[in-house]
PDB file of all heavy atoms in Angstrom:
ATOM      1  N   MET A   1      14.939  -4.894 -25.292  1.00  0.00           N
ATOM      2  CA  MET A   1      14.703  -4.742 -23.827  1.00  0.00           C
ATOM      3  C   MET A   1      16.034  -4.936 -23.090  1.00  0.00           C
ATOM      4  O   MET A   1      16.655  -5.984 -23.145  1.00  0.00           O
ATOM      5  CB  MET A   1      13.709  -5.808 -23.397  1.00  0.00           C
ATOM      6  CG  MET A   1      12.374  -5.778 -24.141  1.00  0.00           C
ATOM      7  SD  MET A   1      11.149  -6.915 -23.482  1.00  0.00           S
ATOM      8  CE  MET A   1      11.890  -8.515 -23.753  1.00  0.00           C
ATOM      9  N   ASN A   2      16.470  -3.887 -22.433  1.00  0.00           N
ATOM     10  CA  ASN A   2      17.689  -3.881 -21.689  1.00  0.00           C
ATOM     11  C   ASN A   2      17.375  -3.736 -20.217  1.00  0.00           C
ATOM     12  O   ASN A   2      16.236  -3.277 -19.808  1.00  0.00           O
ATOM     13  CB  ASN A   2      18.580  -2.764 -22.128  1.00  0.00           C
ATOM     14  CG  ASN A   2      18.953  -2.919 -23.577  1.00  0.00           C
ATOM     15  OD1 ASN A   2      19.094  -4.016 -24.160  1.00  0.00           O
ATOM     16  ND2 ASN A   2      19.188  -1.745 -24.225  1.00  0.00           N
ATOM     17  N   SER A   3      18.335  -4.015 -19.395  1.00  0.00           N
ATOM     18  CA  SER A   3      18.163  -3.817 -17.904  1.00  0.00           C
ATOM     19  C   SER A   3      16.919  -4.500 -17.416  1.00  0.00           C
ATOM     20  O   SER A   3      16.169  -3.936 -16.651  1.00  0.00           O
ATOM     21  CB  SER A   3      18.256  -2.372 -17.512  1.00  0.00           C
ATOM     22  OG  SER A   3      19.449  -1.781 -17.948  1.00  0.00           O
ATOM     23  N   LEU A   4      16.713  -5.684 -17.855  1.00  0.00           N
ATOM     24  CA  LEU A   4      15.428  -6.389 -17.448  1.00  0.00           C
ATOM     25  C   LEU A   4      15.357  -6.682 -16.010  1.00  0.00           C
ATOM     26  O   LEU A   4      16.380  -6.888 -15.272  1.00  0.00           O
ATOM     27  CB  LEU A   4      15.317  -7.696 -18.264  1.00  0.00           C
ATOM     28  CG  LEU A   4      14.914  -7.500 -19.710  1.00  0.00           C
ATOM     29  CD1 LEU A   4      15.200  -8.718 -20.569  1.00  0.00           C
ATOM     30  CD2 LEU A   4      13.363  -7.265 -19.793  1.00  0.00           C
ATOM     31  N   LYS A   5      14.107  -6.569 -15.514  1.00  0.00           N
ATOM     32  CA  LYS A   5      13.805  -6.780 -14.076  1.00  0.00           C
ATOM     33  C   LYS A   5      12.848  -7.954 -13.943  1.00  0.00           C
ATOM     34  O   LYS A   5      12.052  -8.259 -14.905  1.00  0.00           O
ATOM     35  CB  LYS A   5      13.146  -5.511 -13.544  1.00  0.00           C
ATOM     36  CG  LYS A   5      13.964  -4.240 -13.729  1.00  0.00           C
ATOM     37  CD  LYS A   5      13.158  -3.047 -13.223  1.00  0.00           C
ATOM     38  CE  LYS A   5      13.940  -1.759 -13.427  1.00  0.00           C
ATOM     39  NZ  LYS A   5      13.193  -0.547 -12.979  1.00  0.00           N
ATOM     40  N   PRO A   6      12.815  -8.541 -12.808  1.00  0.00           N
ATOM     41  CA  PRO A   6      11.836  -9.660 -12.607  1.00  0.00           C
ATOM     42  C   PRO A   6      10.421  -9.198 -12.857  1.00  0.00           C
ATOM     43  O   PRO A   6       9.591 -10.010 -13.373  1.00  0.00           O
ATOM     44  CB  PRO A   6      12.135 -10.061 -11.103  1.00  0.00           C
ATOM     45  CG  PRO A   6      13.493  -9.686 -10.844  1.00  0.00           C
ATOM     46  CD  PRO A   6      13.750  -8.423 -11.655  1.00  0.00           C
ATOM     47  N   GLU A   7      10.105  -8.023 -12.582  1.00  0.00           N
ATOM     48  CA  GLU A   7       8.723  -7.488 -12.796  1.00  0.00           C
ATOM     49  C   GLU A   7       8.391  -7.383 -14.284  1.00  0.00           C
ATOM     50  O   GLU A   7       7.229  -7.105 -14.614  1.00  0.00           O
ATOM     51  CB  GLU A   7       8.460  -6.196 -12.049  1.00  0.00           C
ATOM     52  CG  GLU A   7       9.486  -5.100 -12.272  1.00  0.00           C
ATOM     53  CD  GLU A   7      10.525  -5.121 -11.146  1.00  0.00           C
ATOM     54  OE1 GLU A   7      11.064  -6.185 -10.786  1.00  0.00           O
ATOM     55  OE2 GLU A   7      10.864  -3.975 -10.765  1.00  0.00           O
ATOM     56  N   ASP A   8       9.361  -7.521 -15.138  1.00  0.00           N
ATOM     57  CA  ASP A   8       9.093  -7.544 -16.620  1.00  0.00           C
ATOM     58  C   ASP A   8       8.553  -8.877 -17.078  1.00  0.00           C
ATOM     59  O   ASP A   8       8.188  -9.031 -18.209  1.00  0.00           O
ATOM     60  CB  ASP A   8      10.333  -7.133 -17.382  1.00  0.00           C
ATOM     61  CG  ASP A   8      10.806  -5.713 -17.128  1.00  0.00           C
ATOM     62  OD1 ASP A   8       9.938  -4.776 -17.072  1.00  0.00           O
ATOM     63  OD2 ASP A   8      12.039  -5.517 -16.981  1.00  0.00           O
ATOM     64  N   THR A   9       8.619  -9.897 -16.250  1.00  0.00           N
ATOM     65  CA  THR A   9       8.141 -11.191 -16.570  1.00  0.00           C
ATOM     66  C   THR A   9       6.643 -11.160 -16.997  1.00  0.00           C
ATOM     67  O   THR A   9       5.816 -10.647 -16.299  1.00  0.00           O
ATOM     68  CB  THR A   9       8.255 -12.167 -15.415  1.00  0.00           C
ATOM     69  OG1 THR A   9       9.737 -12.358 -15.140  1.00  0.00           O
ATOM     70  CG2 THR A   9       7.701 -13.547 -15.735  1.00  0.00           C
ATOM     71  N   ALA A  10       6.408 -11.657 -18.264  1.00  0.00           N
ATOM     72  CA  ALA A  10       5.076 -11.595 -18.770  1.00  0.00           C
ATOM     73  C   ALA A  10       5.054 -12.262 -20.155  1.00  0.00           C
ATOM     74  O   ALA A  10       6.127 -12.561 -20.732  1.00  0.00           O
ATOM     75  CB  ALA A  10       4.654 -10.115 -18.939  1.00  0.00           C
ATOM     76  N   VAL A  11       3.868 -12.429 -20.716  1.00  0.00           N
ATOM     77  CA  VAL A  11       3.757 -12.734 -22.134  1.00  0.00           C
ATOM     78  C   VAL A  11       3.656 -11.404 -22.915  1.00  0.00           C
ATOM     79  O   VAL A  11       2.880 -10.534 -22.510  1.00  0.00           O
ATOM     80  CB  VAL A  11       2.494 -13.586 -22.387  1.00  0.00           C
ATOM     81  CG1 VAL A  11       2.325 -13.819 -23.905  1.00  0.00           C
ATOM     82  CG2 VAL A  11       2.539 -14.916 -21.683  1.00  0.00           C
ATOM     83  N   PHE A  12       4.472 -11.268 -23.892  1.00  0.00           N
ATOM     84  CA  PHE A  12       4.569 -10.050 -24.653  1.00  0.00           C
ATOM     85  C   PHE A  12       3.879 -10.301 -25.995  1.00  0.00           C
ATOM     86  O   PHE A  12       4.071 -11.320 -26.689  1.00  0.00           O
ATOM     87  CB  PHE A  12       6.034  -9.629 -24.944  1.00  0.00           C
ATOM     88  CG  PHE A  12       6.631  -8.993 -23.724  1.00  0.00           C
ATOM     89  CD1 PHE A  12       6.970  -9.634 -22.573  1.00  0.00           C
ATOM     90  CD2 PHE A  12       6.922  -7.595 -23.783  1.00  0.00           C
ATOM     91  CE1 PHE A  12       7.521  -8.998 -21.480  1.00  0.00           C
ATOM     92  CE2 PHE A  12       7.492  -6.935 -22.673  1.00  0.00           C
ATOM     93  CZ  PHE A  12       7.789  -7.647 -21.561  1.00  0.00           C
ATOM     94  N   TYR A  13       2.951  -9.308 -26.358  1.00  0.00           N
ATOM     95  CA  TYR A  13       2.217  -9.412 -27.548  1.00  0.00           C
ATOM     96  C   TYR A  13       2.528  -8.181 -28.464  1.00  0.00           C
ATOM     97  O   TYR A  13       2.631  -7.067 -27.964  1.00  0.00           O
ATOM     98  CB  TYR A  13       0.708  -9.372 -27.241  1.00  0.00           C
ATOM     99  CG  TYR A  13       0.242 -10.524 -26.404  1.00  0.00           C
ATOM    100  CD1 TYR A  13       0.224 -10.428 -24.988  1.00  0.00           C
ATOM    101  CD2 TYR A  13      -0.282 -11.662 -26.985  1.00  0.00           C
ATOM    102  CE1 TYR A  13      -0.280 -11.415 -24.212  1.00  0.00           C
ATOM    103  CE2 TYR A  13      -0.708 -12.704 -26.194  1.00  0.00           C
ATOM    104  CZ  TYR A  13      -0.752 -12.583 -24.781  1.00  0.00           C
ATOM    105  OH  TYR A  13      -1.240 -13.625 -24.037  1.00  0.00           O
ATOM    106  N   CYS A  14       2.573  -8.463 -29.742  1.00  0.00           N
ATOM    107  CA  CYS A  14       2.576  -7.325 -30.685  1.00  0.00           C
ATOM    108  C   CYS A  14       1.167  -7.120 -31.266  1.00  0.00           C
ATOM    109  O   CYS A  14       0.384  -8.123 -31.285  1.00  0.00           O
ATOM    110  CB  CYS A  14       3.645  -7.418 -31.731  1.00  0.00           C
ATOM    111  SG  CYS A  14       3.269  -8.593 -33.049  1.00  0.00           S
ATOM    112  N   ALA A  15       0.934  -5.935 -31.729  1.00  0.00           N
ATOM    113  CA  ALA A  15      -0.430  -5.597 -32.227  1.00  0.00           C
ATOM    114  C   ALA A  15      -0.271  -4.599 -33.341  1.00  0.00           C
ATOM    115  O   ALA A  15       0.681  -3.831 -33.354  1.00  0.00           O
ATOM    116  CB  ALA A  15      -1.254  -4.999 -31.058  1.00  0.00           C
ATOM    117  N   ALA A  16      -1.272  -4.571 -34.164  1.00  0.00           N
ATOM    118  CA  ALA A  16      -1.272  -3.635 -35.362  1.00  0.00           C
ATOM    119  C   ALA A  16      -2.615  -2.891 -35.418  1.00  0.00           C
ATOM    120  O   ALA A  16      -3.679  -3.466 -35.149  1.00  0.00           O
ATOM    121  CB  ALA A  16      -1.070  -4.458 -36.593  1.00  0.00           C
ATOM    122  N   LYS A  17      -2.473  -1.632 -35.819  1.00  0.00           N
ATOM    123  CA  LYS A  17      -3.656  -0.832 -36.038  1.00  0.00           C
ATOM    124  C   LYS A  17      -3.482  -0.027 -37.333  1.00  0.00           C
ATOM    125  O   LYS A  17      -2.449   0.636 -37.524  1.00  0.00           O
ATOM    126  CB  LYS A  17      -3.867   0.158 -34.846  1.00  0.00           C
ATOM    127  CG  LYS A  17      -5.103   1.018 -35.078  1.00  0.00           C
ATOM    128  CD  LYS A  17      -5.134   2.241 -34.307  1.00  0.00           C
ATOM    129  CE  LYS A  17      -6.208   3.203 -34.785  1.00  0.00           C
ATOM    130  NZ  LYS A  17      -7.570   2.608 -35.023  1.00  0.00           N
ATOM    131  N   TYR A  18      -4.466  -0.056 -38.192  1.00  0.00           N
ATOM    132  CA  TYR A  18      -4.423   0.788 -39.401  1.00  0.00           C
ATOM    133  C   TYR A  18      -4.300   2.192 -39.020  1.00  0.00           C
ATOM    134  O   TYR A  18      -5.083   2.722 -38.204  1.00  0.00           O
ATOM    135  CB  TYR A  18      -5.683   0.521 -40.247  1.00  0.00           C
ATOM    136  CG  TYR A  18      -5.574   1.227 -41.564  1.00  0.00           C
ATOM    137  CD1 TYR A  18      -4.852   0.662 -42.628  1.00  0.00           C
ATOM    138  CD2 TYR A  18      -6.154   2.436 -41.768  1.00  0.00           C
ATOM    139  CE1 TYR A  18      -4.704   1.250 -43.860  1.00  0.00           C
ATOM    140  CE2 TYR A  18      -6.075   3.045 -42.962  1.00  0.00           C
ATOM    141  CZ  TYR A  18      -5.328   2.482 -44.024  1.00  0.00           C
ATOM    142  OH  TYR A  18      -5.177   3.205 -45.203  1.00  0.00           O
ATOM    143  N   ALA A  19      -3.375   2.866 -39.651  1.00  0.00           N
ATOM    144  CA  ALA A  19      -3.090   4.267 -39.237  1.00  0.00           C
ATOM    145  C   ALA A  19      -3.896   5.256 -40.017  1.00  0.00           C
ATOM    146  O   ALA A  19      -3.349   5.956 -40.911  1.00  0.00           O
ATOM    147  CB  ALA A  19      -1.534   4.514 -39.411  1.00  0.00           C
ATOM    148  N   TYR A  20      -5.157   5.326 -39.603  1.00  0.00           N
ATOM    149  CA  TYR A  20      -6.028   6.301 -40.300  1.00  0.00           C
ATOM    150  C   TYR A  20      -5.460   7.732 -40.039  1.00  0.00           C
ATOM    151  O   TYR A  20      -5.518   8.596 -40.973  1.00  0.00           O
ATOM    152  CB  TYR A  20      -7.464   6.253 -39.677  1.00  0.00           C
ATOM    153  CG  TYR A  20      -8.216   4.987 -40.034  1.00  0.00           C
ATOM    154  CD1 TYR A  20      -8.227   3.954 -39.124  1.00  0.00           C
ATOM    155  CD2 TYR A  20      -8.758   4.850 -41.256  1.00  0.00           C
ATOM    156  CE1 TYR A  20      -8.938   2.816 -39.417  1.00  0.00           C
ATOM    157  CE2 TYR A  20      -9.452   3.636 -41.590  1.00  0.00           C
ATOM    158  CZ  TYR A  20      -9.503   2.632 -40.648  1.00  0.00           C
ATOM    159  OH  TYR A  20     -10.163   1.478 -40.978  1.00  0.00           O
ATOM    160  N   LEU A  21      -4.985   8.012 -38.791  1.00  0.00           N
ATOM    161  CA  LEU A  21      -4.300   9.281 -38.496  1.00  0.00           C
ATOM    162  C   LEU A  21      -2.873   8.909 -38.491  1.00  0.00           C
ATOM    163  O   LEU A  21      -2.340   8.356 -37.518  1.00  0.00           O
ATOM    164  CB  LEU A  21      -4.798   9.780 -37.173  1.00  0.00           C
ATOM    165  CG  LEU A  21      -6.351  10.042 -37.073  1.00  0.00           C
ATOM    166  CD1 LEU A  21      -6.741  10.457 -35.645  1.00  0.00           C
ATOM    167  CD2 LEU A  21      -6.696  11.120 -38.105  1.00  0.00           C
ATOM    168  N   ARG A  22      -2.102   9.348 -39.492  1.00  0.00           N
ATOM    169  CA  ARG A  22      -0.806   8.826 -39.825  1.00  0.00           C
ATOM    170  C   ARG A  22       0.156   9.043 -38.722  1.00  0.00           C
ATOM    171  O   ARG A  22       1.083   8.245 -38.506  1.00  0.00           O
ATOM    172  CB  ARG A  22      -0.323   9.466 -41.102  1.00  0.00           C
ATOM    173  CG  ARG A  22      -1.164   9.203 -42.340  1.00  0.00           C
ATOM    174  CD  ARG A  22      -1.143   7.698 -42.676  1.00  0.00           C
ATOM    175  NE  ARG A  22      -0.038   7.353 -43.542  1.00  0.00           N
ATOM    176  CZ  ARG A  22       0.186   6.081 -43.882  1.00  0.00           C
ATOM    177  NH1 ARG A  22      -0.533   5.090 -43.453  1.00  0.00           N
ATOM    178  NH2 ARG A  22       1.197   5.832 -44.728  1.00  0.00           N
ATOM    179  N   ASN A  23       0.058  10.150 -37.994  1.00  0.00           N
ATOM    180  CA  ASN A  23       1.087  10.513 -36.982  1.00  0.00           C
ATOM    181  C   ASN A  23       0.676  10.210 -35.557  1.00  0.00           C
ATOM    182  O   ASN A  23       1.385  10.572 -34.652  1.00  0.00           O
ATOM    183  CB  ASN A  23       1.540  11.921 -37.206  1.00  0.00           C
ATOM    184  CG  ASN A  23       2.237  12.148 -38.491  1.00  0.00           C
ATOM    185  OD1 ASN A  23       3.010  11.311 -38.912  1.00  0.00           O
ATOM    186  ND2 ASN A  23       1.990  13.310 -39.143  1.00  0.00           N
ATOM    187  N   ASN A  24      -0.487   9.502 -35.441  1.00  0.00           N
ATOM    188  CA  ASN A  24      -0.911   9.211 -34.116  1.00  0.00           C
ATOM    189  C   ASN A  24      -0.164   7.984 -33.539  1.00  0.00           C
ATOM    190  O   ASN A  24       0.129   7.038 -34.261  1.00  0.00           O
ATOM    191  CB  ASN A  24      -2.440   8.834 -34.088  1.00  0.00           C
ATOM    192  CG  ASN A  24      -3.248  10.032 -33.802  1.00  0.00           C
ATOM    193  OD1 ASN A  24      -2.820  11.219 -34.006  1.00  0.00           O
ATOM    194  ND2 ASN A  24      -4.430   9.839 -33.244  1.00  0.00           N
ATOM    195  N   VAL A  25       0.188   8.084 -32.257  1.00  0.00           N
ATOM    196  CA  VAL A  25       0.781   6.934 -31.598  1.00  0.00           C
ATOM    197  C   VAL A  25      -0.279   6.381 -30.667  1.00  0.00           C
ATOM    198  O   VAL A  25      -0.855   7.075 -29.799  1.00  0.00           O
ATOM    199  CB  VAL A  25       2.015   7.389 -30.735  1.00  0.00           C
ATOM    200  CG1 VAL A  25       2.632   6.208 -30.030  1.00  0.00           C
ATOM    201  CG2 VAL A  25       3.041   8.050 -31.622  1.00  0.00           C
ATOM    202  N   TYR A  26      -0.640   5.089 -30.889  1.00  0.00           N
ATOM    203  CA  TYR A  26      -1.790   4.506 -30.196  1.00  0.00           C
ATOM    204  C   TYR A  26      -1.248   3.705 -28.999  1.00  0.00           C
ATOM    205  O   TYR A  26      -0.140   3.012 -29.053  1.00  0.00           O
ATOM    206  CB  TYR A  26      -2.481   3.589 -31.098  1.00  0.00           C
ATOM    207  CG  TYR A  26      -3.081   4.299 -32.286  1.00  0.00           C
ATOM    208  CD1 TYR A  26      -2.408   4.337 -33.486  1.00  0.00           C
ATOM    209  CD2 TYR A  26      -4.259   4.989 -32.182  1.00  0.00           C
ATOM    210  CE1 TYR A  26      -2.946   5.000 -34.606  1.00  0.00           C
ATOM    211  CE2 TYR A  26      -4.772   5.664 -33.222  1.00  0.00           C
ATOM    212  CZ  TYR A  26      -4.122   5.687 -34.463  1.00  0.00           C
ATOM    213  OH  TYR A  26      -4.671   6.418 -35.489  1.00  0.00           O
ATOM    214  N   THR A  27      -1.942   3.766 -27.866  1.00  0.00           N
ATOM    215  CA  THR A  27      -1.461   3.128 -26.617  1.00  0.00           C
ATOM    216  C   THR A  27      -2.478   2.242 -25.916  1.00  0.00           C
ATOM    217  O   THR A  27      -2.094   1.606 -24.970  1.00  0.00           O
ATOM    218  CB  THR A  27      -0.974   4.203 -25.667  1.00  0.00           C
ATOM    219  OG1 THR A  27      -2.091   5.001 -25.290  1.00  0.00           O
ATOM    220  CG2 THR A  27       0.133   5.086 -26.221  1.00  0.00           C
ATOM    221  N   ALA A  28      -3.701   2.259 -26.349  1.00  0.00           N
ATOM    222  CA  ALA A  28      -4.735   1.498 -25.664  1.00  0.00           C
ATOM    223  C   ALA A  28      -4.932   0.139 -26.372  1.00  0.00           C
ATOM    224  O   ALA A  28      -4.865  -0.018 -27.545  1.00  0.00           O
ATOM    225  CB  ALA A  28      -6.064   2.260 -25.678  1.00  0.00           C
ATOM    226  N   VAL A  29      -5.191  -0.852 -25.562  1.00  0.00           N
ATOM    227  CA  VAL A  29      -5.530  -2.171 -26.008  1.00  0.00           C
ATOM    228  C   VAL A  29      -6.613  -2.154 -27.052  1.00  0.00           C
ATOM    229  O   VAL A  29      -6.529  -2.709 -28.150  1.00  0.00           O
ATOM    230  CB  VAL A  29      -5.916  -3.131 -24.930  1.00  0.00           C
ATOM    231  CG1 VAL A  29      -6.411  -4.456 -25.463  1.00  0.00           C
ATOM    232  CG2 VAL A  29      -4.672  -3.426 -24.002  1.00  0.00           C
ATOM    233  N   SER A  30      -7.610  -1.312 -26.812  1.00  0.00           N
ATOM    234  CA  SER A  30      -8.763  -1.234 -27.653  1.00  0.00           C
ATOM    235  C   SER A  30      -8.480  -0.553 -28.980  1.00  0.00           C
ATOM    236  O   SER A  30      -9.298  -0.589 -29.911  1.00  0.00           O
ATOM    237  CB  SER A  30      -9.914  -0.485 -26.906  1.00  0.00           C
ATOM    238  OG  SER A  30      -9.509   0.826 -26.564  1.00  0.00           O
ATOM    239  N   ASP A  31      -7.336   0.150 -29.042  1.00  0.00           N
ATOM    240  CA  ASP A  31      -7.008   0.797 -30.304  1.00  0.00           C
ATOM    241  C   ASP A  31      -6.622  -0.201 -31.468  1.00  0.00           C
ATOM    242  O   ASP A  31      -6.764   0.128 -32.584  1.00  0.00           O
ATOM    243  CB  ASP A  31      -5.794   1.710 -30.115  1.00  0.00           C
ATOM    244  CG  ASP A  31      -6.152   3.029 -29.334  1.00  0.00           C
ATOM    245  OD1 ASP A  31      -7.356   3.408 -29.451  1.00  0.00           O
ATOM    246  OD2 ASP A  31      -5.239   3.547 -28.681  1.00  0.00           O
ATOM    247  N   PHE A  32      -6.127  -1.321 -31.000  1.00  0.00           N
ATOM    248  CA  PHE A  32      -5.459  -2.234 -31.925  1.00  0.00           C
ATOM    249  C   PHE A  32      -6.376  -3.328 -32.446  1.00  0.00           C
ATOM    250  O   PHE A  32      -7.233  -3.818 -31.693  1.00  0.00           O
ATOM    251  CB  PHE A  32      -4.193  -2.881 -31.307  1.00  0.00           C
ATOM    252  CG  PHE A  32      -3.108  -1.845 -31.176  1.00  0.00           C
ATOM    253  CD1 PHE A  32      -3.099  -1.013 -30.056  1.00  0.00           C
ATOM    254  CD2 PHE A  32      -2.121  -1.752 -32.074  1.00  0.00           C
ATOM    255  CE1 PHE A  32      -2.078  -0.027 -29.932  1.00  0.00           C
ATOM    256  CE2 PHE A  32      -1.108  -0.791 -32.012  1.00  0.00           C
ATOM    257  CZ  PHE A  32      -1.094   0.042 -30.917  1.00  0.00           C
ATOM    258  N   THR A  33      -6.254  -3.671 -33.755  1.00  0.00           N
ATOM    259  CA  THR A  33      -7.141  -4.589 -34.442  1.00  0.00           C
ATOM    260  C   THR A  33      -6.584  -6.006 -34.442  1.00  0.00           C
ATOM    261  O   THR A  33      -7.318  -6.980 -34.189  1.00  0.00           O
ATOM    262  CB  THR A  33      -7.385  -4.140 -35.826  1.00  0.00           C
ATOM    263  OG1 THR A  33      -7.860  -2.790 -35.838  1.00  0.00           O
ATOM    264  CG2 THR A  33      -8.415  -4.998 -36.548  1.00  0.00           C
ATOM    265  N   TYR A  34      -5.310  -6.125 -34.725  1.00  0.00           N
ATOM    266  CA  TYR A  34      -4.731  -7.464 -34.924  1.00  0.00           C
ATOM    267  C   TYR A  34      -3.703  -7.704 -33.848  1.00  0.00           C
ATOM    268  O   TYR A  34      -2.925  -6.793 -33.463  1.00  0.00           O
ATOM    269  CB  TYR A  34      -4.040  -7.553 -36.276  1.00  0.00           C
ATOM    270  CG  TYR A  34      -5.000  -7.311 -37.476  1.00  0.00           C
ATOM    271  CD1 TYR A  34      -4.882  -6.114 -38.143  1.00  0.00           C
ATOM    272  CD2 TYR A  34      -6.007  -8.213 -37.768  1.00  0.00           C
ATOM    273  CE1 TYR A  34      -5.796  -5.828 -39.235  1.00  0.00           C
ATOM    274  CE2 TYR A  34      -6.879  -7.979 -38.779  1.00  0.00           C
ATOM    275  CZ  TYR A  34      -6.747  -6.826 -39.515  1.00  0.00           C
ATOM    276  OH  TYR A  34      -7.617  -6.584 -40.560  1.00  0.00           O
ATOM    277  N   TRP A  35      -3.644  -8.972 -33.357  1.00  0.00           N
ATOM    278  CA  TRP A  35      -2.775  -9.356 -32.293  1.00  0.00           C
ATOM    279  C   TRP A  35      -1.997 -10.713 -32.621  1.00  0.00           C
ATOM    280  O   TRP A  35      -2.594 -11.548 -33.330  1.00  0.00           O
ATOM    281  CB  TRP A  35      -3.577  -9.616 -31.066  1.00  0.00           C
ATOM    282  CG  TRP A  35      -4.200  -8.357 -30.483  1.00  0.00           C
ATOM    283  CD1 TRP A  35      -5.328  -7.723 -30.880  1.00  0.00           C
ATOM    284  CD2 TRP A  35      -3.618  -7.522 -29.462  1.00  0.00           C
ATOM    285  NE1 TRP A  35      -5.531  -6.593 -30.186  1.00  0.00           N
ATOM    286  CE2 TRP A  35      -4.492  -6.421 -29.288  1.00  0.00           C
ATOM    287  CE3 TRP A  35      -2.455  -7.590 -28.760  1.00  0.00           C
ATOM    288  CZ2 TRP A  35      -4.292  -5.396 -28.375  1.00  0.00           C
ATOM    289  CZ3 TRP A  35      -2.201  -6.584 -27.755  1.00  0.00           C
ATOM    290  CH2 TRP A  35      -3.137  -5.481 -27.623  1.00  0.00           C
ATOM    291  N   GLY A  36      -0.783 -10.763 -32.141  1.00  0.00           N
ATOM    292  CA  GLY A  36      -0.072 -11.980 -32.248  1.00  0.00           C
ATOM    293  C   GLY A  36      -0.440 -12.903 -31.088  1.00  0.00           C
ATOM    294  O   GLY A  36      -1.276 -12.628 -30.211  1.00  0.00           O
ATOM    295  N   GLN A  37       0.213 -14.046 -31.077  1.00  0.00           N
ATOM    296  CA  GLN A  37      -0.105 -15.128 -30.063  1.00  0.00           C
ATOM    297  C   GLN A  37       0.724 -14.915 -28.778  1.00  0.00           C
ATOM    298  O   GLN A  37       0.437 -15.459 -27.763  1.00  0.00           O
ATOM    299  CB  GLN A  37       0.171 -16.518 -30.655  1.00  0.00           C
ATOM    300  CG  GLN A  37      -0.798 -16.914 -31.705  1.00  0.00           C
ATOM    301  CD  GLN A  37      -2.230 -16.941 -31.231  1.00  0.00           C
ATOM    302  OE1 GLN A  37      -2.557 -17.552 -30.214  1.00  0.00           O
ATOM    303  NE2 GLN A  37      -3.118 -16.114 -31.862  1.00  0.00           N
ATOM    304  N   GLY A  38       1.760 -14.064 -28.869  1.00  0.00           N
ATOM    305  CA  GLY A  38       2.540 -13.845 -27.685  1.00  0.00           C
ATOM    306  C   GLY A  38       3.771 -14.610 -27.604  1.00  0.00           C
ATOM    307  O   GLY A  38       3.895 -15.697 -28.130  1.00  0.00           O
ATOM    308  N   THR A  39       4.770 -14.052 -26.835  1.00  0.00           N
ATOM    309  CA  THR A  39       6.008 -14.736 -26.580  1.00  0.00           C
ATOM    310  C   THR A  39       6.318 -14.541 -25.094  1.00  0.00           C
ATOM    311  O   THR A  39       6.171 -13.416 -24.594  1.00  0.00           O
ATOM    312  CB  THR A  39       7.168 -14.272 -27.505  1.00  0.00           C
ATOM    313  OG1 THR A  39       8.322 -15.067 -27.275  1.00  0.00           O
ATOM    314  CG2 THR A  39       7.493 -12.862 -27.274  1.00  0.00           C
ATOM    315  N   GLN A  40       6.709 -15.596 -24.420  1.00  0.00           N
ATOM    316  CA  GLN A  40       6.934 -15.515 -22.988  1.00  0.00           C
ATOM    317  C   GLN A  40       8.330 -14.956 -22.691  1.00  0.00           C
ATOM    318  O   GLN A  40       9.312 -15.405 -23.254  1.00  0.00           O
ATOM    319  CB  GLN A  40       6.806 -16.931 -22.381  1.00  0.00           C
ATOM    320  CG  GLN A  40       7.088 -16.952 -20.856  1.00  0.00           C
ATOM    321  CD  GLN A  40       5.945 -16.337 -20.037  1.00  0.00           C
ATOM    322  OE1 GLN A  40       4.754 -16.632 -20.342  1.00  0.00           O
ATOM    323  NE2 GLN A  40       6.332 -15.515 -19.099  1.00  0.00           N
ATOM    324  N   VAL A  41       8.350 -14.013 -21.789  1.00  0.00           N
ATOM    325  CA  VAL A  41       9.620 -13.481 -21.256  1.00  0.00           C
ATOM    326  C   VAL A  41       9.639 -13.732 -19.738  1.00  0.00           C
ATOM    327  O   VAL A  41       8.734 -13.328 -18.993  1.00  0.00           O
ATOM    328  CB  VAL A  41       9.692 -11.976 -21.568  1.00  0.00           C
ATOM    329  CG1 VAL A  41      10.930 -11.401 -20.842  1.00  0.00           C
ATOM    330  CG2 VAL A  41       9.831 -11.747 -23.041  1.00  0.00           C
ATOM    331  N   ASN A  42      10.698 -14.394 -19.319  1.00  0.00           N
ATOM    332  CA  ASN A  42      10.912 -14.693 -17.889  1.00  0.00           C
ATOM    333  C   ASN A  42      12.208 -14.059 -17.460  1.00  0.00           C
ATOM    334  O   ASN A  42      13.239 -14.349 -18.029  1.00  0.00           O
ATOM    335  CB  ASN A  42      10.899 -16.164 -17.611  1.00  0.00           C
ATOM    336  CG  ASN A  42       9.505 -16.784 -17.811  1.00  0.00           C
ATOM    337  OD1 ASN A  42       8.531 -16.345 -17.236  1.00  0.00           O
ATOM    338  ND2 ASN A  42       9.481 -17.846 -18.590  1.00  0.00           N
ATOM    339  N   VAL A  43      12.157 -13.273 -16.387  1.00  0.00           N
ATOM    340  CA  VAL A  43      13.336 -12.624 -15.845  1.00  0.00           C
ATOM    341  C   VAL A  43      13.528 -13.139 -14.427  1.00  0.00           C
ATOM    342  O   VAL A  43      12.689 -12.891 -13.588  1.00  0.00           O
ATOM    343  CB  VAL A  43      13.228 -11.089 -15.900  1.00  0.00           C
ATOM    344  CG1 VAL A  43      14.515 -10.445 -15.412  1.00  0.00           C
ATOM    345  CG2 VAL A  43      12.842 -10.584 -17.257  1.00  0.00           C
ATOM    346  N   SER A  44      14.649 -13.770 -14.194  1.00  0.00           N
ATOM    347  CA  SER A  44      14.947 -14.344 -12.944  1.00  0.00           C
ATOM    348  C   SER A  44      15.799 -13.324 -12.093  1.00  0.00           C
ATOM    349  O   SER A  44      16.576 -12.564 -12.660  1.00  0.00           O
ATOM    350  CB  SER A  44      15.690 -15.603 -13.027  1.00  0.00           C
ATOM    351  OG  SER A  44      16.973 -15.399 -13.701  1.00  0.00           O
TER     352      SER A  44
END
């Protein structure tokens, strides 16, 4: 993450989805099965 802005402040989560369709890029929350606990990013 470069050129960070205050509006980027959030908890960031990574997620995993089994790639049944190998070349699909998934973008919806509902697409993903597994989630991490998150890491806080604060931009002043």
